[in-house]
């Protein structure tokens, strides 16, 4: 089994960007341009390396390969995005890889791309300045449109195999991973579980007891063998169920109006461990948007628009308006789920002004965008 942290180190140490490997400082698929460029690189790597897995490492400085990290990214619907825009889409996975020297809220993103053998990947439809039908290919470190009149040859199998073999996990790495996790998360009762006598999962979280069940926030879940991390923030609420061959997480989202909030199931994530030394991560959207009175929502929607206009013009906010601003991301989200299609654009338009005004509100904004992304791509 490949230790993904070790794999990232080998990719950075031994290779310039090429036909099976790319690196990026940031990944922005929340905007049309960023989404288009991401799809271009996916398409180019799938076509240029048809027989092997290709990789994109996110959170690395281009000049000197310094690992600076990025925010934790849990877009479980990234495959749906690829399927929607690419013909003969490759199999794509995004994993969050922790590094000891990074701050607690930073990881390295690893995108794995596996092409459909013998099938050329192309854009299915127009996006940004790229036209549907365009085929991309890697020319050194650049993804370029290309007309194919010759067969694509496999030139990377031996190199990729050597890199992946050198990144295989071992007992020392596994034990170090467990001890590091237990030491790092000793604040919230860290635990571990061995599945199928092979896989080790560590987890910890802040417990919140109710009459019927226990919920957790600030949850870290680490698949030690591969050094892959799942994370749920202080704003999240999850339940955890463990059986002999499955680690199951149900995530809840808190939504409501006028200080009356409820938790709604958002997504179920099941890590299923097999007898053949493999595991699968299965995700299932559970969310049913709550419906509210349209008159109340019209009032809140218009109030949100006024607040954003004031932020744009640098107008001072009253204490009451500051309080309303904290609810702005969630109320825009509720409006969108209740048929206010323009609420999504308004929320995205507000990003730079919210980010400049308040770190706390910006954190709430990112949480709302995360929920929106999960629901939309499903």
Protein backbone atom coordinates (compact mmCIF):
# COMPACT_ATOMS: atom_id res chain seq x y z
CA UNK A 1 0.00 0.00 0.00
CA UNK A 2 1.31 3.43 -0.96
CA UNK A 3 2.09 5.93 1.78
CA UNK A 4 0.80 9.13 0.15
CA UNK A 5 3.01 11.47 2.18
CA UNK A 6 6.07 9.53 1.02
CA UNK A 7 4.72 9.54 -2.55
CA UNK A 8 4.44 13.35 -2.51
CA UNK A 9 8.03 13.63 -1.28
CA UNK A 10 9.30 11.37 -4.07
CA UNK A 11 7.35 13.28 -6.71
CA UNK A 12 8.79 16.59 -5.53
CA UNK A 13 12.34 15.32 -5.04
CA UNK A 14 12.93 13.44 -8.26
CA UNK A 15 10.84 15.05 -10.95
CA UNK A 16 10.18 18.32 -12.73
CA UNK A 17 6.62 18.77 -13.95
CA UNK A 18 6.11 16.38 -16.85
CA UNK A 19 3.62 14.14 -18.64
CA UNK A 20 2.54 12.33 -15.45
CA UNK A 21 3.03 14.94 -12.74
CA UNK A 22 2.04 18.55 -12.10
CA UNK A 23 2.16 20.81 -9.05
CA UNK A 24 0.11 23.84 -8.08
CA UNK A 25 0.22 26.45 -5.34
CA UNK A 26 -3.57 26.56 -5.08
CA UNK A 27 -6.63 24.91 -6.56
CA UNK A 28 -9.68 27.07 -7.20
CA UNK A 29 -12.63 25.25 -8.74
CA UNK A 30 -15.14 27.63 -7.19
CA UNK A 31 -14.66 30.05 -10.10
CA UNK A 32 -15.15 29.36 -13.79
CA UNK A 33 -11.56 30.09 -14.82
CA UNK A 34 -10.08 27.91 -12.08
CA UNK A 35 -12.50 25.10 -12.88
CA UNK A 36 -11.60 25.25 -16.59
CA UNK A 37 -7.85 25.17 -15.93
CA UNK A 38 -8.23 22.25 -13.53
CA UNK A 39 -10.20 20.27 -16.14
CA UNK A 40 -7.58 21.13 -18.77
CA UNK A 41 -4.79 19.67 -16.64
CA UNK A 42 -6.85 16.56 -15.82
CA UNK A 43 -7.54 15.99 -19.51
CA UNK A 44 -3.91 16.57 -20.53
CA UNK A 45 -2.46 14.23 -17.90
CA UNK A 46 -4.98 11.49 -18.71
CA UNK A 47 -4.07 11.65 -22.40
CA UNK A 48 -0.31 11.96 -21.90
CA UNK A 49 0.02 9.08 -19.44
CA UNK A 50 -2.63 6.53 -20.50
CA UNK A 51 -1.15 3.43 -18.86
CA UNK A 52 -0.34 4.79 -15.38
CA UNK A 53 -1.62 6.97 -12.59
CA UNK A 54 -0.85 10.68 -12.99
CA UNK A 55 -0.66 13.11 -10.08
CA UNK A 56 -1.22 16.78 -9.26
CA UNK A 57 0.26 17.98 -5.97
CA UNK A 58 -1.53 21.02 -4.49
CA UNK A 59 0.08 23.34 -1.94
CA UNK A 60 3.64 23.57 -3.29
CA UNK A 61 5.59 26.70 -4.25
CA UNK A 62 6.58 26.51 -7.90
CA UNK A 63 10.01 28.12 -7.56
CA UNK A 64 11.64 25.93 -4.92
CA UNK A 65 9.17 23.09 -4.16
CA UNK A 66 8.53 24.43 -0.65
CA UNK A 67 5.51 22.66 0.85
CA UNK A 68 3.31 25.54 2.03
CA UNK A 69 0.03 23.63 2.19
CA UNK A 70 -3.58 24.52 1.44
CA UNK A 71 -6.87 24.49 3.33
CA UNK A 72 -8.46 21.10 3.88
CA UNK A 73 -10.57 20.30 0.81
CA UNK A 74 -13.35 17.76 1.08
CA UNK A 75 -15.01 18.03 -2.31
CA UNK A 76 -16.28 14.49 -2.57
CA UNK A 77 -18.09 15.35 -5.82
CA UNK A 78 -14.94 16.19 -7.79
CA UNK A 79 -15.48 13.07 -9.91
CA UNK A 80 -18.96 14.34 -10.78
CA UNK A 81 -17.41 17.61 -12.00
CA UNK A 82 -14.97 15.69 -14.20
CA UNK A 83 -17.76 13.47 -15.54
CA UNK A 84 -19.90 16.50 -16.39
CA UNK A 85 -17.25 18.30 -18.45
CA UNK A 86 -15.01 15.60 -19.94
CA UNK A 87 -15.65 12.97 -22.60
CA UNK A 88 -14.15 9.60 -21.60
CA UNK A 89 -13.43 11.02 -18.14
CA UNK A 90 -10.57 9.54 -16.13
CA UNK A 91 -11.03 8.24 -12.59
CA UNK A 92 -10.06 11.13 -10.31
CA UNK A 93 -9.56 11.25 -6.53
CA UNK A 94 -8.58 14.12 -4.25
CA UNK A 95 -6.89 13.27 -0.94
CA UNK A 96 -5.71 15.45 1.94
CA UNK A 97 -2.20 14.55 3.08
CA UNK A 98 -0.97 15.90 6.46
CA UNK A 99 2.65 16.98 6.88
CA UNK A 100 4.16 17.43 10.38
CA UNK A 101 5.67 20.87 9.72
CA UNK A 102 2.44 22.42 8.42
CA UNK A 103 -0.02 24.32 10.64
CA UNK A 104 -2.90 22.29 12.02
CA UNK A 105 -5.37 23.64 9.43
CA UNK A 106 -3.13 23.01 6.39
CA UNK A 107 -2.53 19.88 4.31
CA UNK A 108 -1.13 18.95 0.91
CA UNK A 109 -3.73 18.04 -1.71
CA UNK A 110 -3.01 15.04 -3.91
CA UNK A 111 -5.06 14.53 -7.07
CA UNK A 112 -4.74 11.04 -8.62
CA UNK A 113 -5.78 10.59 -12.26
CA UNK A 114 -6.29 7.24 -13.97
CA UNK A 115 -7.32 7.37 -17.64
CA UNK A 116 -9.70 5.08 -19.48
CA UNK A 117 -7.20 2.97 -21.40
CA UNK A 118 -7.43 3.31 -25.16
CA UNK A 119 -9.88 6.22 -24.98
CA UNK A 120 -9.00 9.83 -25.68
CA UNK A 121 -10.19 12.36 -23.11
CA UNK A 122 -11.66 15.63 -24.41
CA UNK A 123 -13.80 18.54 -23.23
CA UNK A 124 -17.47 17.62 -23.47
CA UNK A 125 -18.70 21.24 -23.64
CA UNK A 126 -17.51 24.84 -23.58
CA UNK A 127 -16.10 26.25 -20.37
CA UNK A 128 -14.39 29.63 -19.93
CA UNK A 129 -12.27 30.16 -23.08
CA UNK A 130 -11.97 26.45 -23.95
CA UNK A 131 -14.28 24.92 -26.54
CA UNK A 132 -16.11 21.63 -26.36
CA UNK A 133 -14.28 18.91 -28.26
CA UNK A 134 -10.81 20.27 -27.42
CA UNK A 135 -8.18 17.64 -26.57
CA UNK A 136 -5.26 18.54 -24.31
CA UNK A 137 -1.82 17.00 -24.03
CA UNK A 138 1.26 17.68 -21.90
CA UNK A 139 4.19 19.45 -23.55
CA UNK A 140 6.79 19.32 -20.77
CA UNK A 141 5.19 21.19 -17.87
CA UNK A 142 2.44 22.83 -19.97
CA UNK A 143 -1.00 21.49 -20.85
CA UNK A 144 -1.69 22.36 -24.49
CA UNK A 145 -4.50 21.74 -26.99
CA UNK A 146 -3.42 19.23 -29.61
CA UNK A 147 -4.67 17.50 -32.74
CA UNK A 148 -3.84 13.80 -32.54
CA UNK A 149 -2.75 12.12 -35.74
CA UNK A 150 -0.51 9.50 -34.14
CA UNK A 151 -0.98 6.88 -31.46
CA UNK A 152 -0.14 7.98 -27.92
CA UNK A 153 2.73 5.91 -26.60
CA UNK A 154 3.37 4.90 -23.03
CA UNK A 155 6.73 6.26 -21.91
CA UNK A 156 6.23 6.47 -18.14
CA UNK A 157 5.40 3.00 -16.80
CA UNK A 158 8.87 2.21 -15.41
CA UNK A 159 9.34 5.68 -13.87
CA UNK A 160 5.89 5.77 -12.23
CA UNK A 161 6.26 2.19 -10.96
CA UNK A 162 9.63 3.02 -9.38
CA UNK A 163 8.23 6.12 -7.63
CA UNK A 164 5.22 4.22 -6.28
CA UNK A 165 7.34 1.24 -5.16
CA UNK A 166 9.62 3.57 -3.20
CA UNK A 167 6.57 5.03 -1.48
CA UNK A 168 5.26 1.72 -0.12
CA UNK A 169 4.20 1.74 3.51
CA UNK A 170 6.02 -0.28 6.19
CA UNK A 171 5.66 -1.12 9.89
CA UNK A 172 7.88 1.77 11.01
CA UNK A 173 5.85 4.34 9.09
CA UNK A 174 2.61 2.84 10.42
CA UNK A 175 3.75 2.92 14.06
CA UNK A 176 5.15 6.45 13.68
CA UNK A 177 1.82 7.54 12.22
CA UNK A 178 -0.17 6.09 15.11
CA UNK A 179 2.11 7.57 17.79
CA UNK A 180 2.14 10.97 16.09
CA UNK A 181 -1.66 11.04 15.93
CA UNK A 182 -2.12 9.98 19.58
CA UNK A 183 0.34 12.67 20.68
CA UNK A 184 -1.01 15.41 18.44
CA UNK A 185 -4.72 14.87 19.27
CA UNK A 186 -4.45 14.03 22.96
CA UNK A 187 -6.83 16.95 23.63
CA UNK A 188 -9.88 14.97 22.43
CA UNK A 189 -9.44 11.36 23.55
CA UNK A 190 -7.66 9.92 20.49
CA UNK A 191 -8.45 6.30 19.62
CA UNK A 192 -7.38 3.75 17.04
CA UNK A 193 -8.96 0.70 15.44
CA UNK A 194 -7.36 -2.07 13.36
CA UNK A 195 -9.48 -3.41 10.51
CA UNK A 196 -8.91 -6.75 8.79
CA UNK A 197 -5.63 -7.18 10.75
CA UNK A 198 -4.04 -4.69 8.38
CA UNK A 199 -5.62 -1.23 8.20
CA UNK A 200 -5.16 1.23 11.06
CA UNK A 201 -7.58 4.11 11.54
CA UNK A 202 -7.00 6.80 14.19
CA UNK A 203 -9.66 9.29 15.13
CA UNK A 204 -10.47 11.95 17.73
CA UNK A 205 -13.16 14.58 18.22
CA UNK A 206 -14.92 16.83 20.70
CA UNK A 207 -17.89 14.83 22.02
CA UNK A 208 -21.37 16.23 22.55
CA UNK A 209 -23.73 13.88 24.37
CA UNK A 210 -27.50 13.76 23.80
CA UNK A 211 -30.15 11.40 25.10
CA UNK A 212 -30.09 9.27 21.94
CA UNK A 213 -26.56 9.49 20.58
CA UNK A 214 -23.13 11.10 20.74
CA UNK A 215 -22.14 13.76 18.22
CA UNK A 216 -18.65 15.05 17.49
CA UNK A 217 -17.14 18.24 16.17
CA UNK A 218 -13.50 19.12 15.45
CA UNK A 219 -13.00 15.55 14.19
CA UNK A 220 -9.75 14.22 12.75
CA UNK A 221 -9.79 10.80 11.04
CA UNK A 222 -6.50 9.43 9.73
CA UNK A 223 -6.01 6.39 7.52
CA UNK A 224 -2.55 5.67 8.86
CA UNK A 225 -1.38 3.18 6.21
CA UNK A 226 -1.76 5.74 3.41
CA UNK A 227 -1.41 8.95 5.47
CA UNK A 228 -4.76 10.25 4.23
CA UNK A 229 -6.80 12.55 6.43
CA UNK A 230 -10.52 13.27 6.79
CA UNK A 231 -11.45 16.33 8.81
CA UNK A 232 -14.61 17.92 10.20
CA UNK A 233 -14.37 21.41 11.66
CA UNK A 234 -15.62 23.08 14.81
CA UNK A 235 -18.71 24.08 12.82
CA UNK A 236 -19.57 20.49 11.87
CA UNK A 237 -21.53 17.90 13.78
CA UNK A 238 -21.03 14.21 12.97
CA UNK A 239 -21.95 10.82 14.34
CA UNK A 240 -19.54 7.88 14.13
CA UNK A 241 -20.38 4.18 13.89
CA UNK A 242 -17.70 1.47 13.88
CA UNK A 243 -18.14 -2.20 12.98
CA UNK A 244 -15.68 -4.99 12.20
CA UNK A 245 -15.18 -3.91 8.59
CA UNK A 246 -16.60 -0.39 8.36
CA UNK A 247 -15.99 3.11 9.73
CA UNK A 248 -19.09 5.21 9.07
CA UNK A 249 -19.52 8.97 9.50
CA UNK A 250 -22.78 10.87 9.10
CA UNK A 251 -22.32 14.62 8.81
CA UNK A 252 -25.05 17.03 9.90
CA UNK A 253 -25.53 20.67 8.98
CA UNK A 254 -27.16 23.25 11.23
CA UNK A 255 -29.69 25.46 9.45
CA UNK A 256 -32.48 27.71 10.60
CA UNK A 257 -33.87 31.23 10.91
CA UNK A 258 -34.46 33.68 13.74
CA UNK A 259 -32.23 31.81 16.19
CA UNK A 260 -34.22 28.62 15.70
CA UNK A 261 -31.87 25.98 14.29
CA UNK A 262 -32.02 22.24 13.61
CA UNK A 263 -29.48 19.68 12.49
CA UNK A 264 -30.13 18.06 9.11
CA UNK A 265 -28.25 14.99 7.80
CA UNK A 266 -25.95 16.13 4.99
CA UNK A 267 -23.77 13.22 3.90
CA UNK A 268 -22.83 9.69 4.88
CA UNK A 269 -19.22 8.57 4.38
CA UNK A 270 -18.44 4.87 4.73
CA UNK A 271 -14.87 3.55 4.76
CA UNK A 272 -15.29 -0.14 3.94
CA UNK A 273 -12.33 -2.47 4.46
CA UNK A 274 -12.02 -5.56 2.26
CA UNK A 275 -10.35 -8.92 2.82
CA UNK A 276 -8.04 -8.36 -0.17
CA UNK A 277 -6.05 -5.54 1.52
CA UNK A 278 -8.09 -2.83 -0.19
CA UNK A 279 -10.62 -0.33 1.06
CA UNK A 280 -13.32 1.82 -0.52
CA UNK A 281 -14.66 5.19 0.55
CA UNK A 282 -18.35 5.44 -0.36
CA UNK A 283 -20.30 8.68 -0.08
CA UNK A 284 -24.04 9.17 -0.08
CA UNK A 285 -25.84 12.50 0.02
CA UNK A 286 -28.64 12.52 2.61
CA UNK A 287 -29.60 16.18 2.49
CA UNK A 288 -33.22 17.27 2.13
CA UNK A 289 -33.34 21.11 2.12
CA UNK A 290 -35.64 22.60 4.77
CA UNK A 291 -38.43 24.79 3.41
CA UNK A 292 -39.36 28.15 4.96
CA UNK A 293 -42.00 30.83 4.50
CA UNK A 294 -41.26 32.78 1.29
CA UNK A 295 -42.24 36.17 2.80
CA UNK A 296 -39.66 35.77 5.56
CA UNK A 297 -37.03 34.69 3.06
CA UNK A 298 -37.70 37.70 0.80
CA UNK A 299 -37.11 39.97 3.78
CA UNK A 300 -33.87 38.20 4.73
CA UNK A 301 -32.66 38.10 1.14
CA UNK A 302 -33.15 41.84 0.70
CA UNK A 303 -31.52 42.54 4.07
CA UNK A 304 -28.48 40.49 3.03
CA UNK A 305 -28.22 42.48 -0.20
CA UNK A 306 -28.23 45.73 1.77
CA UNK A 307 -25.47 44.45 4.05
CA UNK A 308 -23.28 43.49 1.07
CA UNK A 309 -23.84 46.93 -0.49
CA UNK A 310 -22.67 48.52 2.76
CA UNK A 311 -19.55 46.33 2.81
CA UNK A 312 -18.81 47.31 -0.80
CA UNK A 313 -19.02 51.01 0.04
CA UNK A 314 -17.10 50.62 3.34
CA UNK A 315 -20.10 51.91 5.29
CA UNK A 316 -19.98 51.25 9.03
CA UNK A 317 -22.36 48.57 10.30
CA UNK A 318 -24.47 48.92 13.43
CA UNK A 319 -24.21 46.32 16.18
CA UNK A 320 -27.44 44.72 14.97
CA UNK A 321 -26.13 44.60 11.39
CA UNK A 322 -22.90 42.99 12.59
CA UNK A 323 -25.02 40.28 14.18
CA UNK A 324 -27.04 39.83 10.97
CA UNK A 325 -23.80 39.56 8.99
CA UNK A 326 -22.89 36.42 10.94
CA UNK A 327 -26.07 34.79 9.61
CA UNK A 328 -25.65 36.07 6.05
CA UNK A 329 -23.89 33.02 4.50
CA UNK A 330 -26.40 30.56 5.99
CA UNK A 331 -29.45 32.64 5.07
CA UNK A 332 -28.25 33.07 1.47
CA UNK A 333 -27.83 29.29 1.41
CA UNK A 334 -31.36 28.70 2.71
CA UNK A 335 -32.73 31.17 0.16
CA UNK A 336 -31.00 29.26 -2.64
CA UNK A 337 -32.41 25.95 -1.42
CA UNK A 338 -35.87 27.54 -1.39
CA UNK A 339 -35.86 28.64 -5.01
CA UNK A 340 -33.94 31.95 -4.91
CA UNK A 341 -31.56 31.00 -7.73
CA UNK A 342 -29.76 34.35 -7.66
CA UNK A 343 -28.84 33.87 -3.98
CA UNK A 344 -25.90 31.65 -5.00
CA UNK A 345 -24.43 34.36 -7.23
CA UNK A 346 -24.97 36.96 -4.51
CA UNK A 347 -23.13 34.79 -1.99
CA UNK A 348 -20.18 34.20 -4.33
CA UNK A 349 -20.11 37.90 -5.25
CA UNK A 350 -19.84 38.80 -1.54
CA UNK A 351 -16.68 36.73 -0.98
CA UNK A 352 -13.98 39.45 -1.26
CA UNK A 353 -15.94 41.90 0.91
CA UNK A 354 -16.67 39.32 3.60
CA UNK A 355 -13.05 38.15 3.59
CA UNK A 356 -11.81 41.70 4.05
CA UNK A 357 -14.35 42.54 6.76
CA UNK A 358 -14.30 39.58 9.16
CA UNK A 359 -12.34 36.36 9.56
CA UNK A 360 -15.23 34.81 11.49
CA UNK A 361 -17.83 35.59 8.82
CA UNK A 362 -15.43 34.40 6.11
CA UNK A 363 -15.11 31.06 7.90
CA UNK A 364 -18.92 30.78 7.89
CA UNK A 365 -18.92 31.73 4.21
CA UNK A 366 -16.51 28.89 3.36
CA UNK A 367 -18.70 26.45 5.27
CA UNK A 368 -21.79 27.49 3.29
CA UNK A 369 -19.91 27.22 -0.02
CA UNK A 370 -18.71 23.74 0.97
CA UNK A 371 -22.28 22.59 1.62
CA UNK A 372 -23.49 24.20 -1.59
CA UNK A 373 -20.76 22.47 -3.62
CA UNK A 374 -21.62 19.07 -2.20
CA UNK A 375 -25.32 19.43 -2.95
CA UNK A 376 -24.89 20.94 -6.43
CA UNK A 377 -22.48 18.31 -7.77
CA UNK A 378 -24.71 15.55 -6.54
